[in-house]
């Protein structure tokens, strides 16, 4: 299986106090042992660095960079895909939907991915399968 990794999942993996930490950790370890492929975008990486540094500190960012990011294929967002994502953001006209979310959806569609490792309900709203099923 090929799985898109969202910021919400990365935070849950690194923060032992996150409500989804146990489910995220169990799923992640299972998928690694089953040799699944992981994709994310450079936008998710940037957002994850910023949020994890703010919430958990620089040591957690180092853990992200050392232990999690190397397991993901990073899809670099092109100027064209960025423009599509900005248009989607404005068309949605929703305060809680971010540019990173819209970009993640566009990347998933571009790569033909339908499964997201996420704890963000926006992925399911967009028609993607969201794992793990602990939401």
C-alpha atoms as a PDB file:
ATOM      1  CA  UNK A   1       0.000   0.000   0.000  1.00  0.00           C
ATOM      2  CA  UNK A   2       1.092   3.564  -0.687  1.00  0.00           C
ATOM      3  CA  UNK A   3       0.156   6.044   2.030  1.00  0.00           C
ATOM      4  CA  UNK A   4       0.267   9.845   2.101  1.00  0.00           C
ATOM      5  CA  UNK A   5       1.556  11.114   5.462  1.00  0.00           C
ATOM      6  CA  UNK A   6      -0.040  14.259   6.884  1.00  0.00           C
ATOM      7  CA  UNK A   7       1.275  16.682   9.499  1.00  0.00           C
ATOM      8  CA  UNK A   8      -1.369  15.492  11.968  1.00  0.00           C
ATOM      9  CA  UNK A   9       0.065  11.976  11.818  1.00  0.00           C
ATOM     10  CA  UNK A  10       3.655  13.138  12.264  1.00  0.00           C
ATOM     11  CA  UNK A  11       2.679  15.184  15.299  1.00  0.00           C
ATOM     12  CA  UNK A  12       0.771  12.232  16.758  1.00  0.00           C
ATOM     13  CA  UNK A  13       3.812   9.991  16.286  1.00  0.00           C
ATOM     14  CA  UNK A  14       6.152  12.400  18.057  1.00  0.00           C
ATOM     15  CA  UNK A  15       3.909  13.646  20.853  1.00  0.00           C
ATOM     16  CA  UNK A  16       3.266  10.956  23.456  1.00  0.00           C
ATOM     17  CA  UNK A  17       0.541  13.166  24.952  1.00  0.00           C
ATOM     18  CA  UNK A  18      -1.370  13.465  21.668  1.00  0.00           C
ATOM     19  CA  UNK A  19      -4.770  11.768  21.807  1.00  0.00           C
ATOM     20  CA  UNK A  20      -3.896   9.794  18.659  1.00  0.00           C
ATOM     21  CA  UNK A  21      -0.337   8.813  19.661  1.00  0.00           C
ATOM     22  CA  UNK A  22      -1.067   5.163  20.470  1.00  0.00           C
ATOM     23  CA  UNK A  23      -3.074   4.555  17.297  1.00  0.00           C
ATOM     24  CA  UNK A  24      -0.517   6.397  15.172  1.00  0.00           C
ATOM     25  CA  UNK A  25       2.445   4.513  16.630  1.00  0.00           C
ATOM     26  CA  UNK A  26       0.805   1.115  16.271  1.00  0.00           C
ATOM     27  CA  UNK A  27      -0.227   1.774  12.667  1.00  0.00           C
ATOM     28  CA  UNK A  28       3.175   3.216  11.724  1.00  0.00           C
ATOM     29  CA  UNK A  29       5.092   0.234  13.106  1.00  0.00           C
ATOM     30  CA  UNK A  30       2.755  -2.208  11.380  1.00  0.00           C
ATOM     31  CA  UNK A  31       3.097  -0.429   8.039  1.00  0.00           C
ATOM     32  CA  UNK A  32       6.883  -0.264   8.301  1.00  0.00           C
ATOM     33  CA  UNK A  33       7.035  -3.999   9.029  1.00  0.00           C
ATOM     34  CA  UNK A  34       4.767  -4.636   6.034  1.00  0.00           C
ATOM     35  CA  UNK A  35       7.029  -2.482   3.803  1.00  0.00           C
ATOM     36  CA  UNK A  36       4.398   0.030   2.756  1.00  0.00           C
ATOM     37  CA  UNK A  37       5.520   3.116   0.850  1.00  0.00           C
ATOM     38  CA  UNK A  38       5.045   6.580   2.296  1.00  0.00           C
ATOM     39  CA  UNK A  39       4.697   9.885   0.475  1.00  0.00           C
ATOM     40  CA  UNK A  40       4.368  13.414   1.730  1.00  0.00           C
ATOM     41  CA  UNK A  41       5.023  16.866   0.337  1.00  0.00           C
ATOM     42  CA  UNK A  42       7.622  19.478   1.086  1.00  0.00           C
ATOM     43  CA  UNK A  43       4.732  21.635   2.347  1.00  0.00           C
ATOM     44  CA  UNK A  44       3.815  19.008   4.952  1.00  0.00           C
ATOM     45  CA  UNK A  45       7.472  18.767   5.994  1.00  0.00           C
ATOM     46  CA  UNK A  46       7.698  22.540   6.417  1.00  0.00           C
ATOM     47  CA  UNK A  47       4.425  22.730   8.344  1.00  0.00           C
ATOM     48  CA  UNK A  48       5.498  19.810  10.531  1.00  0.00           C
ATOM     49  CA  UNK A  49       8.843  21.417  11.355  1.00  0.00           C
ATOM     50  CA  UNK A  50       7.125  24.647  12.374  1.00  0.00           C
ATOM     51  CA  UNK A  51       4.367  23.085  14.483  1.00  0.00           C
ATOM     52  CA  UNK A  52       6.566  20.468  16.125  1.00  0.00           C
ATOM     53  CA  UNK A  53       9.244  23.016  16.997  1.00  0.00           C
ATOM     54  CA  UNK A  54       6.603  25.317  18.481  1.00  0.00           C
ATOM     55  CA  UNK A  55       4.759  22.597  20.420  1.00  0.00           C
ATOM     56  CA  UNK A  56       7.479  20.080  21.300  1.00  0.00           C
ATOM     57  CA  UNK A  57      10.842  21.771  20.805  1.00  0.00           C
ATOM     58  CA  UNK A  58      13.851  21.404  18.567  1.00  0.00           C
ATOM     59  CA  UNK A  59      14.773  17.932  19.878  1.00  0.00           C
ATOM     60  CA  UNK A  60      11.459  16.644  18.516  1.00  0.00           C
ATOM     61  CA  UNK A  61      12.203  18.281  15.145  1.00  0.00           C
ATOM     62  CA  UNK A  62      15.514  16.411  15.103  1.00  0.00           C
ATOM     63  CA  UNK A  63      13.581  13.205  15.792  1.00  0.00           C
ATOM     64  CA  UNK A  64      11.275  14.009  12.899  1.00  0.00           C
ATOM     65  CA  UNK A  65      14.194  14.634  10.559  1.00  0.00           C
ATOM     66  CA  UNK A  66      16.195  11.622  11.720  1.00  0.00           C
ATOM     67  CA  UNK A  67      13.509   8.971  12.213  1.00  0.00           C
ATOM     68  CA  UNK A  68      10.414   9.789  10.176  1.00  0.00           C
ATOM     69  CA  UNK A  69      11.216  11.957   7.158  1.00  0.00           C
ATOM     70  CA  UNK A  70      13.798   9.512   5.735  1.00  0.00           C
ATOM     71  CA  UNK A  71      11.021   6.909   5.442  1.00  0.00           C
ATOM     72  CA  UNK A  72       8.918   9.197   3.236  1.00  0.00           C
ATOM     73  CA  UNK A  73       9.223  10.008  -0.427  1.00  0.00           C
ATOM     74  CA  UNK A  74       9.012  13.807  -0.577  1.00  0.00           C
ATOM     75  CA  UNK A  75       6.959  15.225  -3.444  1.00  0.00           C
ATOM     76  CA  UNK A  76       8.140  18.751  -4.202  1.00  0.00           C
ATOM     77  CA  UNK A  77       5.288  21.073  -5.068  1.00  0.00           C
ATOM     78  CA  UNK A  78       5.677  22.748  -8.443  1.00  0.00           C
ATOM     79  CA  UNK A  79       4.603  26.342  -9.105  1.00  0.00           C
ATOM     80  CA  UNK A  80       1.653  25.002 -11.139  1.00  0.00           C
ATOM     81  CA  UNK A  81       0.499  22.704  -8.327  1.00  0.00           C
ATOM     82  CA  UNK A  82       0.900  25.561  -5.850  1.00  0.00           C
ATOM     83  CA  UNK A  83      -1.355  27.741  -8.018  1.00  0.00           C
ATOM     84  CA  UNK A  84      -3.972  24.965  -8.237  1.00  0.00           C
ATOM     85  CA  UNK A  85      -3.849  24.594  -4.446  1.00  0.00           C
ATOM     86  CA  UNK A  86      -4.263  28.332  -3.852  1.00  0.00           C
ATOM     87  CA  UNK A  87      -7.266  28.341  -6.186  1.00  0.00           C
ATOM     88  CA  UNK A  88      -8.756  25.397  -4.273  1.00  0.00           C
ATOM     89  CA  UNK A  89      -8.211  27.190  -0.975  1.00  0.00           C
ATOM     90  CA  UNK A  90     -10.043  30.296  -2.147  1.00  0.00           C
ATOM     91  CA  UNK A  91     -12.823  28.271  -3.789  1.00  0.00           C
ATOM     92  CA  UNK A  92     -13.420  26.323  -0.561  1.00  0.00           C
ATOM     93  CA  UNK A  93     -13.690  29.589   1.390  1.00  0.00           C
ATOM     94  CA  UNK A  94     -13.230  27.828   4.746  1.00  0.00           C
ATOM     95  CA  UNK A  95     -11.163  29.310   7.524  1.00  0.00           C
ATOM     96  CA  UNK A  96     -10.045  25.967   8.998  1.00  0.00           C
ATOM     97  CA  UNK A  97      -8.901  24.523   5.653  1.00  0.00           C
ATOM     98  CA  UNK A  98      -5.245  25.392   5.073  1.00  0.00           C
ATOM     99  CA  UNK A  99      -3.134  25.836   1.968  1.00  0.00           C
ATOM    100  CA  UNK A 100      -1.105  22.819   3.118  1.00  0.00           C
ATOM    101  CA  UNK A 101      -4.312  20.747   3.238  1.00  0.00           C
ATOM    102  CA  UNK A 102      -5.307  21.842  -0.263  1.00  0.00           C
ATOM    103  CA  UNK A 103      -1.814  21.104  -1.509  1.00  0.00           C
ATOM    104  CA  UNK A 104      -1.870  17.655   0.103  1.00  0.00           C
ATOM    105  CA  UNK A 105      -5.129  16.838  -1.692  1.00  0.00           C
ATOM    106  CA  UNK A 106      -3.694  18.041  -5.001  1.00  0.00           C
ATOM    107  CA  UNK A 107      -0.496  16.004  -4.499  1.00  0.00           C
ATOM    108  CA  UNK A 108      -2.513  12.898  -3.643  1.00  0.00           C
ATOM    109  CA  UNK A 109      -4.636  13.307  -6.763  1.00  0.00           C
ATOM    110  CA  UNK A 110      -1.590  13.968  -8.917  1.00  0.00           C
ATOM    111  CA  UNK A 111       0.155  10.825  -7.616  1.00  0.00           C
ATOM    112  CA  UNK A 112      -3.008   8.723  -7.741  1.00  0.00           C
ATOM    113  CA  UNK A 113      -2.999   8.115  -3.980  1.00  0.00           C
ATOM    114  CA  UNK A 114      -6.235   7.428  -2.129  1.00  0.00           C
ATOM    115  CA  UNK A 115      -5.031   6.634   1.406  1.00  0.00           C
ATOM    116  CA  UNK A 116      -3.847   9.166   3.979  1.00  0.00           C
ATOM    117  CA  UNK A 117      -2.229   8.618   7.359  1.00  0.00           C
ATOM    118  CA  UNK A 118      -3.960  11.528   9.028  1.00  0.00           C
ATOM    119  CA  UNK A 119      -6.045  12.682  11.953  1.00  0.00           C
ATOM    120  CA  UNK A 120      -7.487  15.596  10.009  1.00  0.00           C
ATOM    121  CA  UNK A 121     -11.136  15.158   8.941  1.00  0.00           C
ATOM    122  CA  UNK A 122     -10.577  17.194   5.784  1.00  0.00           C
ATOM    123  CA  UNK A 123      -9.024  14.168   4.062  1.00  0.00           C
ATOM    124  CA  UNK A 124     -12.193  12.096   4.494  1.00  0.00           C
ATOM    125  CA  UNK A 125     -14.284  15.088   3.384  1.00  0.00           C
ATOM    126  CA  UNK A 126     -12.277  15.073   0.156  1.00  0.00           C
ATOM    127  CA  UNK A 127     -13.073  11.401  -0.403  1.00  0.00           C
ATOM    128  CA  UNK A 128      -9.772   9.882   0.689  1.00  0.00           C
ATOM    129  CA  UNK A 129      -9.461   6.803   2.878  1.00  0.00           C
ATOM    130  CA  UNK A 130      -8.060   7.877   6.227  1.00  0.00           C
ATOM    131  CA  UNK A 131      -6.022   5.516   8.376  1.00  0.00           C
ATOM    132  CA  UNK A 132      -5.911   4.458  11.099  1.00  0.00           C
ATOM    133  CA  UNK A 133      -9.646   4.144  11.767  1.00  0.00           C
ATOM    134  CA  UNK A 134      -9.403   5.634  15.263  1.00  0.00           C
ATOM    135  CA  UNK A 135     -11.168   8.895  14.527  1.00  0.00           C
END
